[in-house]
């Protein structure tokens, strides 16, 4: 589990999954990043940007389970459950980006992409992957 630490800026508001409050979206972001986690781990991941009591994290997880966005199974030790997202994050990511383009960039996708690459330096491998994506998109438009 050598994944990067989650920050508030990694998570976008409640429009990411229609009707999902910010706190629940933040829990989903933690689960998408780690794949699965007990409530205590999620609480620790969120403490810097949304400090919550353990019982509050459990309440959020219960709501997500009711919405059929997460499942739980008995953990290997003690009474703790391990929570897993049911769906992959890609559809939510698309909704987040679509909403961001609409609300912040007023429909200008190029402005979003330009802003992204002006603020985030790409590694050579990422640049190569981006070029491959652009080539695939060009082929689809023909």
N, C-alpha and C. Protein backbone atom coordinates (compact mmCIF):
# COMPACT_ATOMS: atom_id res chain seq x y z
N UNK A 1 0.82 -1.19 0.00
CA UNK A 1 0.00 0.00 0.00
C UNK A 1 0.85 1.25 0.00
N UNK A 2 1.75 1.42 -0.94
CA UNK A 2 2.60 2.57 -1.02
C UNK A 2 1.97 3.69 -1.84
N UNK A 3 0.70 3.93 -1.66
CA UNK A 3 0.00 4.93 -2.44
C UNK A 3 0.19 6.30 -1.80
N UNK A 4 0.00 7.36 -2.62
CA UNK A 4 0.20 8.71 -2.11
C UNK A 4 -0.88 9.08 -1.11
N UNK A 5 -0.55 10.03 -0.27
CA UNK A 5 -1.46 10.52 0.75
C UNK A 5 -2.58 11.31 0.08
N UNK A 6 -3.80 11.16 0.54
CA UNK A 6 -4.95 11.85 -0.03
C UNK A 6 -5.06 13.23 0.62
N UNK A 7 -5.35 14.24 -0.19
CA UNK A 7 -5.59 15.58 0.34
C UNK A 7 -6.95 16.05 -0.14
N UNK A 8 -7.45 17.12 0.46
CA UNK A 8 -8.75 17.68 0.10
C UNK A 8 -8.80 18.02 -1.38
N UNK A 9 -7.68 18.47 -1.95
CA UNK A 9 -7.67 18.86 -3.36
C UNK A 9 -7.82 17.65 -4.29
N UNK A 10 -7.65 16.44 -3.79
CA UNK A 10 -7.83 15.24 -4.60
C UNK A 10 -9.31 14.92 -4.81
N UNK A 11 -10.17 15.60 -4.06
CA UNK A 11 -11.57 15.24 -4.03
C UNK A 11 -12.41 16.43 -4.48
N UNK A 12 -13.34 16.18 -5.38
CA UNK A 12 -14.21 17.22 -5.90
C UNK A 12 -15.59 17.04 -5.31
N UNK A 13 -16.37 18.09 -5.28
CA UNK A 13 -17.67 18.16 -4.61
C UNK A 13 -18.71 17.12 -4.95
N UNK A 14 -19.89 17.35 -4.41
CA UNK A 14 -20.96 16.38 -4.39
C UNK A 14 -21.57 16.07 -5.75
N UNK A 15 -21.25 16.84 -6.78
CA UNK A 15 -21.84 16.55 -8.08
C UNK A 15 -21.15 15.37 -8.77
N UNK A 16 -20.07 14.86 -8.19
CA UNK A 16 -19.33 13.77 -8.80
C UNK A 16 -20.20 12.53 -9.00
N UNK A 17 -20.96 12.15 -8.02
CA UNK A 17 -21.97 11.10 -8.15
C UNK A 17 -23.26 11.79 -7.73
N UNK A 18 -24.21 11.95 -8.63
CA UNK A 18 -25.41 12.72 -8.31
C UNK A 18 -26.02 12.35 -6.97
N UNK A 19 -26.27 13.35 -6.15
CA UNK A 19 -26.90 13.15 -4.86
C UNK A 19 -25.95 12.70 -3.75
N UNK A 20 -24.68 12.53 -4.05
CA UNK A 20 -23.73 12.06 -3.04
C UNK A 20 -23.10 13.25 -2.32
N UNK A 21 -23.31 13.36 -1.02
CA UNK A 21 -22.71 14.46 -0.26
C UNK A 21 -21.17 14.39 -0.28
N UNK A 22 -20.54 15.53 -0.07
CA UNK A 22 -19.08 15.61 -0.11
C UNK A 22 -18.40 14.58 0.78
N UNK A 23 -18.87 14.42 2.01
CA UNK A 23 -18.22 13.50 2.94
C UNK A 23 -18.25 12.06 2.41
N UNK A 24 -19.36 11.67 1.82
CA UNK A 24 -19.46 10.32 1.26
C UNK A 24 -18.56 10.18 0.03
N UNK A 25 -18.48 11.24 -0.77
CA UNK A 25 -17.60 11.22 -1.94
C UNK A 25 -16.15 11.07 -1.50
N UNK A 26 -15.79 11.72 -0.42
CA UNK A 26 -14.42 11.63 0.10
C UNK A 26 -14.11 10.22 0.58
N UNK A 27 -15.07 9.56 1.18
CA UNK A 27 -14.89 8.16 1.59
C UNK A 27 -14.70 7.29 0.35
N UNK A 28 -15.51 7.53 -0.67
CA UNK A 28 -15.38 6.76 -1.92
C UNK A 28 -13.99 6.98 -2.53
N UNK A 29 -13.50 8.21 -2.50
CA UNK A 29 -12.18 8.50 -3.06
C UNK A 29 -11.09 7.70 -2.33
N UNK A 30 -11.21 7.60 -1.03
CA UNK A 30 -10.25 6.80 -0.25
C UNK A 30 -10.30 5.34 -0.68
N UNK A 31 -11.51 4.81 -0.81
CA UNK A 31 -11.66 3.41 -1.19
C UNK A 31 -11.19 3.17 -2.62
N UNK A 32 -11.45 4.10 -3.52
CA UNK A 32 -10.97 3.94 -4.89
C UNK A 32 -9.45 3.93 -4.94
N UNK A 33 -8.84 4.75 -4.10
CA UNK A 33 -7.38 4.81 -4.12
C UNK A 33 -6.76 3.57 -3.50
N UNK A 34 -7.34 3.06 -2.44
CA UNK A 34 -6.74 1.92 -1.74
C UNK A 34 -7.36 0.57 -2.08
N UNK A 35 -8.50 0.59 -2.77
CA UNK A 35 -9.13 -0.67 -3.16
C UNK A 35 -10.03 -1.25 -2.08
N UNK A 36 -9.54 -1.28 -0.89
CA UNK A 36 -10.33 -1.77 0.25
C UNK A 36 -9.68 -1.25 1.53
N UNK A 37 -10.50 -1.07 2.57
CA UNK A 37 -9.95 -0.56 3.83
C UNK A 37 -10.98 -0.70 4.94
N UNK A 38 -10.50 -0.89 6.17
CA UNK A 38 -11.41 -0.83 7.31
C UNK A 38 -11.72 0.64 7.63
N UNK A 39 -12.76 0.87 8.39
CA UNK A 39 -13.18 2.23 8.74
C UNK A 39 -12.05 3.02 9.40
N UNK A 40 -11.27 2.36 10.24
CA UNK A 40 -10.17 3.04 10.95
C UNK A 40 -9.15 3.61 9.96
N UNK A 41 -8.84 2.86 8.91
CA UNK A 41 -7.90 3.32 7.88
C UNK A 41 -8.47 4.53 7.14
N UNK A 42 -9.75 4.46 6.79
CA UNK A 42 -10.41 5.57 6.09
C UNK A 42 -10.41 6.81 6.97
N UNK A 43 -10.69 6.62 8.24
CA UNK A 43 -10.66 7.74 9.19
C UNK A 43 -9.28 8.39 9.20
N UNK A 44 -8.24 7.59 9.22
CA UNK A 44 -6.87 8.11 9.21
C UNK A 44 -6.54 8.85 7.93
N UNK A 45 -7.00 8.33 6.80
CA UNK A 45 -6.74 8.97 5.51
C UNK A 45 -7.43 10.33 5.41
N UNK A 46 -8.58 10.46 6.04
CA UNK A 46 -9.37 11.68 5.92
C UNK A 46 -9.07 12.71 7.00
N UNK A 47 -8.31 12.34 8.02
CA UNK A 47 -8.20 13.20 9.21
C UNK A 47 -7.63 14.60 8.93
N UNK A 48 -6.76 14.74 7.93
CA UNK A 48 -6.16 16.06 7.68
C UNK A 48 -7.13 17.04 7.02
N UNK A 49 -8.08 16.54 6.22
CA UNK A 49 -8.99 17.46 5.55
C UNK A 49 -10.43 17.34 6.04
N UNK A 50 -10.79 16.26 6.72
CA UNK A 50 -12.12 16.11 7.30
C UNK A 50 -12.01 15.21 8.52
N UNK A 51 -11.60 15.79 9.65
CA UNK A 51 -11.49 14.98 10.87
C UNK A 51 -12.88 14.49 11.32
N UNK A 52 -13.00 13.20 11.45
CA UNK A 52 -14.27 12.58 11.85
C UNK A 52 -14.04 11.55 12.94
N UNK A 53 -15.03 11.39 13.79
CA UNK A 53 -14.99 10.33 14.78
C UNK A 53 -15.18 8.99 14.06
N UNK A 54 -14.68 7.93 14.66
CA UNK A 54 -14.79 6.61 14.06
C UNK A 54 -16.25 6.26 13.75
N UNK A 55 -17.16 6.59 14.68
CA UNK A 55 -18.57 6.26 14.46
C UNK A 55 -19.15 7.06 13.29
N UNK A 56 -18.63 8.26 13.03
CA UNK A 56 -19.09 9.04 11.89
C UNK A 56 -18.66 8.41 10.58
N UNK A 57 -17.44 7.89 10.54
CA UNK A 57 -16.96 7.19 9.35
C UNK A 57 -17.81 5.95 9.11
N UNK A 58 -18.13 5.23 10.17
CA UNK A 58 -18.99 4.05 10.05
C UNK A 58 -20.37 4.43 9.50
N UNK A 59 -20.91 5.56 9.94
CA UNK A 59 -22.20 6.03 9.45
C UNK A 59 -22.14 6.32 7.95
N UNK A 60 -21.07 6.99 7.53
CA UNK A 60 -20.89 7.28 6.10
C UNK A 60 -20.79 5.99 5.30
N UNK A 61 -20.04 5.03 5.82
CA UNK A 61 -19.89 3.74 5.13
C UNK A 61 -21.23 2.99 5.06
N UNK A 62 -22.02 3.07 6.10
CA UNK A 62 -23.34 2.44 6.12
C UNK A 62 -24.23 3.07 5.05
N UNK A 63 -24.18 4.40 4.93
CA UNK A 63 -24.97 5.09 3.90
C UNK A 63 -24.53 4.64 2.50
N UNK A 64 -23.21 4.53 2.31
CA UNK A 64 -22.69 4.09 1.01
C UNK A 64 -23.09 2.65 0.71
N UNK A 65 -23.13 1.85 1.75
CA UNK A 65 -23.57 0.45 1.59
C UNK A 65 -25.05 0.42 1.21
N UNK A 66 -25.87 1.25 1.83
CA UNK A 66 -27.29 1.34 1.51
C UNK A 66 -27.51 1.79 0.07
N UNK A 67 -26.64 2.70 -0.41
CA UNK A 67 -26.72 3.18 -1.80
C UNK A 67 -26.12 2.18 -2.79
N UNK A 68 -25.65 1.06 -2.27
CA UNK A 68 -25.01 0.01 -3.07
C UNK A 68 -23.77 0.51 -3.81
N UNK A 69 -22.98 1.31 -3.11
CA UNK A 69 -21.71 1.80 -3.64
C UNK A 69 -20.52 1.09 -3.02
N UNK A 70 -20.71 0.49 -1.83
CA UNK A 70 -19.65 -0.28 -1.18
C UNK A 70 -20.22 -1.59 -0.64
N UNK A 71 -19.32 -2.55 -0.46
CA UNK A 71 -19.67 -3.79 0.22
C UNK A 71 -18.75 -3.93 1.42
N UNK A 72 -19.13 -4.80 2.33
CA UNK A 72 -18.26 -5.05 3.48
C UNK A 72 -18.16 -6.54 3.70
N UNK A 73 -17.01 -6.92 4.22
CA UNK A 73 -16.82 -8.32 4.61
C UNK A 73 -16.02 -8.32 5.90
N UNK A 74 -16.16 -9.38 6.63
CA UNK A 74 -15.48 -9.52 7.91
C UNK A 74 -13.98 -9.50 7.69
N UNK A 75 -13.30 -8.68 8.47
CA UNK A 75 -11.85 -8.61 8.40
C UNK A 75 -11.20 -9.82 9.05
N UNK A 76 -9.89 -9.98 8.85
CA UNK A 76 -9.19 -11.16 9.38
C UNK A 76 -9.01 -11.14 10.90
N UNK A 77 -9.09 -9.95 11.52
CA UNK A 77 -8.83 -9.85 12.95
C UNK A 77 -9.94 -9.05 13.63
N UNK A 78 -10.39 -9.51 14.77
CA UNK A 78 -11.36 -8.77 15.56
C UNK A 78 -12.70 -8.62 14.89
N UNK A 79 -13.39 -7.51 15.25
CA UNK A 79 -14.74 -7.28 14.74
C UNK A 79 -14.77 -6.35 13.53
N UNK A 80 -13.64 -5.85 13.11
CA UNK A 80 -13.59 -4.87 12.03
C UNK A 80 -14.01 -5.46 10.69
N UNK A 81 -14.72 -4.64 9.92
CA UNK A 81 -15.10 -5.02 8.57
C UNK A 81 -14.17 -4.32 7.58
N UNK A 82 -13.99 -4.95 6.44
CA UNK A 82 -13.22 -4.38 5.34
C UNK A 82 -14.24 -3.91 4.31
N UNK A 83 -14.14 -2.65 3.92
CA UNK A 83 -15.06 -2.06 2.95
C UNK A 83 -14.39 -1.96 1.59
N UNK A 84 -15.18 -2.25 0.53
CA UNK A 84 -14.68 -2.21 -0.84
C UNK A 84 -15.67 -1.46 -1.71
N UNK A 85 -15.17 -0.67 -2.66
CA UNK A 85 -16.10 -0.03 -3.60
C UNK A 85 -16.66 -1.06 -4.56
N UNK A 86 -17.93 -0.94 -4.92
CA UNK A 86 -18.55 -1.88 -5.85
C UNK A 86 -18.20 -1.50 -7.29
N UNK A 87 -18.15 -0.21 -7.57
CA UNK A 87 -17.92 0.26 -8.93
C UNK A 87 -16.53 0.86 -9.06
N UNK A 88 -15.99 0.81 -10.26
CA UNK A 88 -14.71 1.45 -10.55
C UNK A 88 -14.92 2.97 -10.56
N UNK A 89 -13.86 3.72 -10.33
CA UNK A 89 -14.02 5.18 -10.24
C UNK A 89 -14.19 5.90 -11.58
N UNK A 90 -13.85 5.25 -12.69
CA UNK A 90 -13.83 5.95 -13.98
C UNK A 90 -15.13 6.69 -14.31
N UNK A 91 -16.31 6.08 -14.16
CA UNK A 91 -17.54 6.84 -14.47
C UNK A 91 -17.69 8.08 -13.57
N UNK A 92 -17.33 7.96 -12.31
CA UNK A 92 -17.41 9.12 -11.41
C UNK A 92 -16.41 10.18 -11.83
N UNK A 93 -15.20 9.75 -12.22
CA UNK A 93 -14.20 10.70 -12.68
C UNK A 93 -14.72 11.48 -13.88
N UNK A 94 -15.37 10.77 -14.80
CA UNK A 94 -15.92 11.43 -16.00
C UNK A 94 -16.96 12.47 -15.61
N UNK A 95 -17.83 12.13 -14.65
CA UNK A 95 -18.84 13.08 -14.19
C UNK A 95 -18.20 14.29 -13.53
N UNK A 96 -17.15 14.05 -12.75
CA UNK A 96 -16.45 15.14 -12.08
C UNK A 96 -15.87 16.10 -13.12
N UNK A 97 -15.18 15.55 -14.11
CA UNK A 97 -14.54 16.37 -15.14
C UNK A 97 -15.59 17.10 -15.97
N UNK A 98 -16.65 16.40 -16.33
CA UNK A 98 -17.72 17.03 -17.11
C UNK A 98 -18.30 18.22 -16.35
N UNK A 99 -18.55 18.02 -15.07
CA UNK A 99 -19.09 19.09 -14.23
C UNK A 99 -18.09 20.24 -14.10
N UNK A 100 -16.83 19.92 -13.94
CA UNK A 100 -15.78 20.94 -13.82
C UNK A 100 -15.69 21.77 -15.10
N UNK A 101 -15.71 21.11 -16.23
CA UNK A 101 -15.66 21.83 -17.52
C UNK A 101 -16.87 22.76 -17.65
N UNK A 102 -18.01 22.26 -17.28
CA UNK A 102 -19.25 23.04 -17.40
C UNK A 102 -19.26 24.24 -16.45
N UNK A 103 -18.98 24.00 -15.16
CA UNK A 103 -19.12 25.05 -14.15
C UNK A 103 -17.94 26.01 -14.09
N UNK A 104 -16.74 25.48 -14.19
CA UNK A 104 -15.55 26.32 -13.99
C UNK A 104 -14.99 26.85 -15.31
N UNK A 105 -14.95 26.01 -16.32
CA UNK A 105 -14.33 26.39 -17.58
C UNK A 105 -15.34 26.78 -18.66
N UNK A 106 -16.62 26.86 -18.28
CA UNK A 106 -17.70 27.28 -19.18
C UNK A 106 -17.70 26.54 -20.51
N UNK A 107 -17.49 25.25 -20.42
CA UNK A 107 -17.55 24.39 -21.60
C UNK A 107 -16.27 24.29 -22.41
N UNK A 108 -15.22 24.96 -21.98
CA UNK A 108 -13.97 24.98 -22.73
C UNK A 108 -13.03 23.87 -22.24
N UNK A 109 -13.07 22.70 -22.88
CA UNK A 109 -12.23 21.56 -22.47
C UNK A 109 -10.75 21.86 -22.64
N UNK A 110 -10.41 22.58 -23.68
CA UNK A 110 -9.01 22.90 -23.93
C UNK A 110 -8.43 23.74 -22.78
N UNK A 111 -9.24 24.64 -22.24
CA UNK A 111 -8.79 25.45 -21.11
C UNK A 111 -8.49 24.57 -19.89
N UNK A 112 -9.31 23.55 -19.68
CA UNK A 112 -9.08 22.61 -18.59
C UNK A 112 -7.76 21.87 -18.78
N UNK A 113 -7.57 21.33 -19.98
CA UNK A 113 -6.35 20.56 -20.27
C UNK A 113 -5.11 21.46 -20.17
N UNK A 114 -5.21 22.66 -20.73
CA UNK A 114 -4.09 23.60 -20.65
C UNK A 114 -3.74 23.92 -19.20
N UNK A 115 -4.75 24.19 -18.40
CA UNK A 115 -4.53 24.49 -16.98
C UNK A 115 -3.87 23.31 -16.26
N UNK A 116 -4.33 22.13 -16.59
CA UNK A 116 -3.78 20.93 -15.97
C UNK A 116 -2.29 20.80 -16.25
N UNK A 117 -1.92 20.94 -17.52
CA UNK A 117 -0.52 20.73 -17.88
C UNK A 117 0.37 21.91 -17.55
N UNK A 118 -0.21 23.07 -17.32
CA UNK A 118 0.58 24.22 -16.88
C UNK A 118 0.87 24.15 -15.39
N UNK A 119 0.04 23.43 -14.65
CA UNK A 119 0.24 23.33 -13.20
C UNK A 119 0.86 22.02 -12.76
N UNK A 120 0.84 21.02 -13.63
CA UNK A 120 1.34 19.69 -13.28
C UNK A 120 2.36 19.24 -14.32
N UNK A 121 3.60 19.12 -13.93
CA UNK A 121 4.63 18.69 -14.86
C UNK A 121 4.50 17.19 -15.13
N UNK A 122 4.53 16.82 -16.41
CA UNK A 122 4.41 15.42 -16.80
C UNK A 122 5.77 14.74 -16.87
N UNK A 123 5.79 13.48 -16.48
CA UNK A 123 6.98 12.65 -16.65
C UNK A 123 7.00 12.17 -18.10
N UNK A 124 8.15 11.70 -18.55
CA UNK A 124 8.28 11.23 -19.94
C UNK A 124 7.26 10.14 -20.26
N UNK A 125 7.08 9.19 -19.34
CA UNK A 125 6.14 8.09 -19.57
C UNK A 125 4.71 8.62 -19.67
N UNK A 126 4.36 9.58 -18.84
CA UNK A 126 3.02 10.16 -18.89
C UNK A 126 2.80 10.90 -20.21
N UNK A 127 3.83 11.59 -20.67
CA UNK A 127 3.76 12.31 -21.94
C UNK A 127 3.55 11.32 -23.10
N UNK A 128 4.23 10.19 -23.02
CA UNK A 128 4.08 9.15 -24.04
C UNK A 128 2.65 8.60 -24.03
N UNK A 129 2.11 8.34 -22.85
CA UNK A 129 0.75 7.84 -22.73
C UNK A 129 -0.26 8.86 -23.25
N UNK A 130 0.00 10.13 -22.96
CA UNK A 130 -0.88 11.19 -23.45
C UNK A 130 -0.86 11.25 -24.97
N UNK A 131 0.31 11.11 -25.57
CA UNK A 131 0.42 11.12 -27.03
C UNK A 131 -0.34 9.94 -27.63
N UNK A 132 -0.24 8.77 -26.99
CA UNK A 132 -0.97 7.60 -27.48
C UNK A 132 -2.48 7.83 -27.40
N UNK A 133 -2.92 8.46 -26.33
CA UNK A 133 -4.34 8.78 -26.17
C UNK A 133 -4.79 9.75 -27.27
N UNK A 134 -4.00 10.77 -27.52
CA UNK A 134 -4.33 11.73 -28.59
C UNK A 134 -4.40 11.03 -29.95
N UNK A 135 -3.48 10.12 -30.20
CA UNK A 135 -3.50 9.37 -31.47
C UNK A 135 -4.76 8.53 -31.60
N UNK A 136 -5.17 7.87 -30.50
CA UNK A 136 -6.41 7.08 -30.53
C UNK A 136 -7.63 7.97 -30.78
N UNK A 137 -7.65 9.13 -30.14
CA UNK A 137 -8.77 10.06 -30.31
C UNK A 137 -8.84 10.57 -31.75
N UNK A 138 -7.69 10.84 -32.35
CA UNK A 138 -7.64 11.30 -33.75
C UNK A 138 -8.22 10.22 -34.67
N UNK A 139 -7.85 8.96 -34.43
CA UNK A 139 -8.34 7.86 -35.26
C UNK A 139 -9.86 7.71 -35.15
N UNK A 140 -10.40 7.92 -33.95
CA UNK A 140 -11.84 7.80 -33.74
C UNK A 140 -12.60 8.88 -34.51
N UNK A 141 -12.00 10.04 -34.67
CA UNK A 141 -12.69 11.15 -35.34
C UNK A 141 -12.68 11.04 -36.85
N UNK A 142 -11.88 10.15 -37.41
CA UNK A 142 -11.81 10.00 -38.87
C UNK A 142 -12.97 9.21 -39.40
